């Protein structure tokens, strides 16, 4: 099998769930990272949806994250795992997209992007995102944990996200009142 690269831009940064042989900072052109997907499984429920980050196609946008190379020999198991995890509903679409790696290489990587026609697709003001994230909880835990871990890991790789930092401050303020 060919080398398998996966683009991590949110939870795959801190919880890839598969054996990783190499991690390299990477940029995906034409997409932005945003809380544009209602989560009804991992970080919320159908009754009380949470929000998760997704790659939203936008002309002129770019998203920085990590290119994760699967350990050779684990490609099939890795794809099976990722499909079970990421395609739990049909809100994400699996695409193989070109990444520019920080070291100058260009690779093709499996990436999960939002289907803008899916019922879980949303565009909400940051204030409403914060209210939802502060209270949501799903099969993989609280929505707050997802936000905090993603923001921290983006900082660790040198890719701070101003919207995520604002959300962290706002969500912490909202949850301290509980």
Foldseek 3Di string as FASTA:
>chain_A
DDWAKAWDQFVCLPCVPAAFPDKFKKKFPQWDWDQFFWACAAAANPVQTATDIFTEGDHGDMGITIITIGDPPCVVVSVVVCCVVVVVDVQWDWDFGWIQTPVGDIDTHTGTHGDCVDPRGHDDPLLVNLVSQLPGAHPNGGSLVRLVVRQVSCVVVPRHDVSSVVSNVSSVVVNVVD
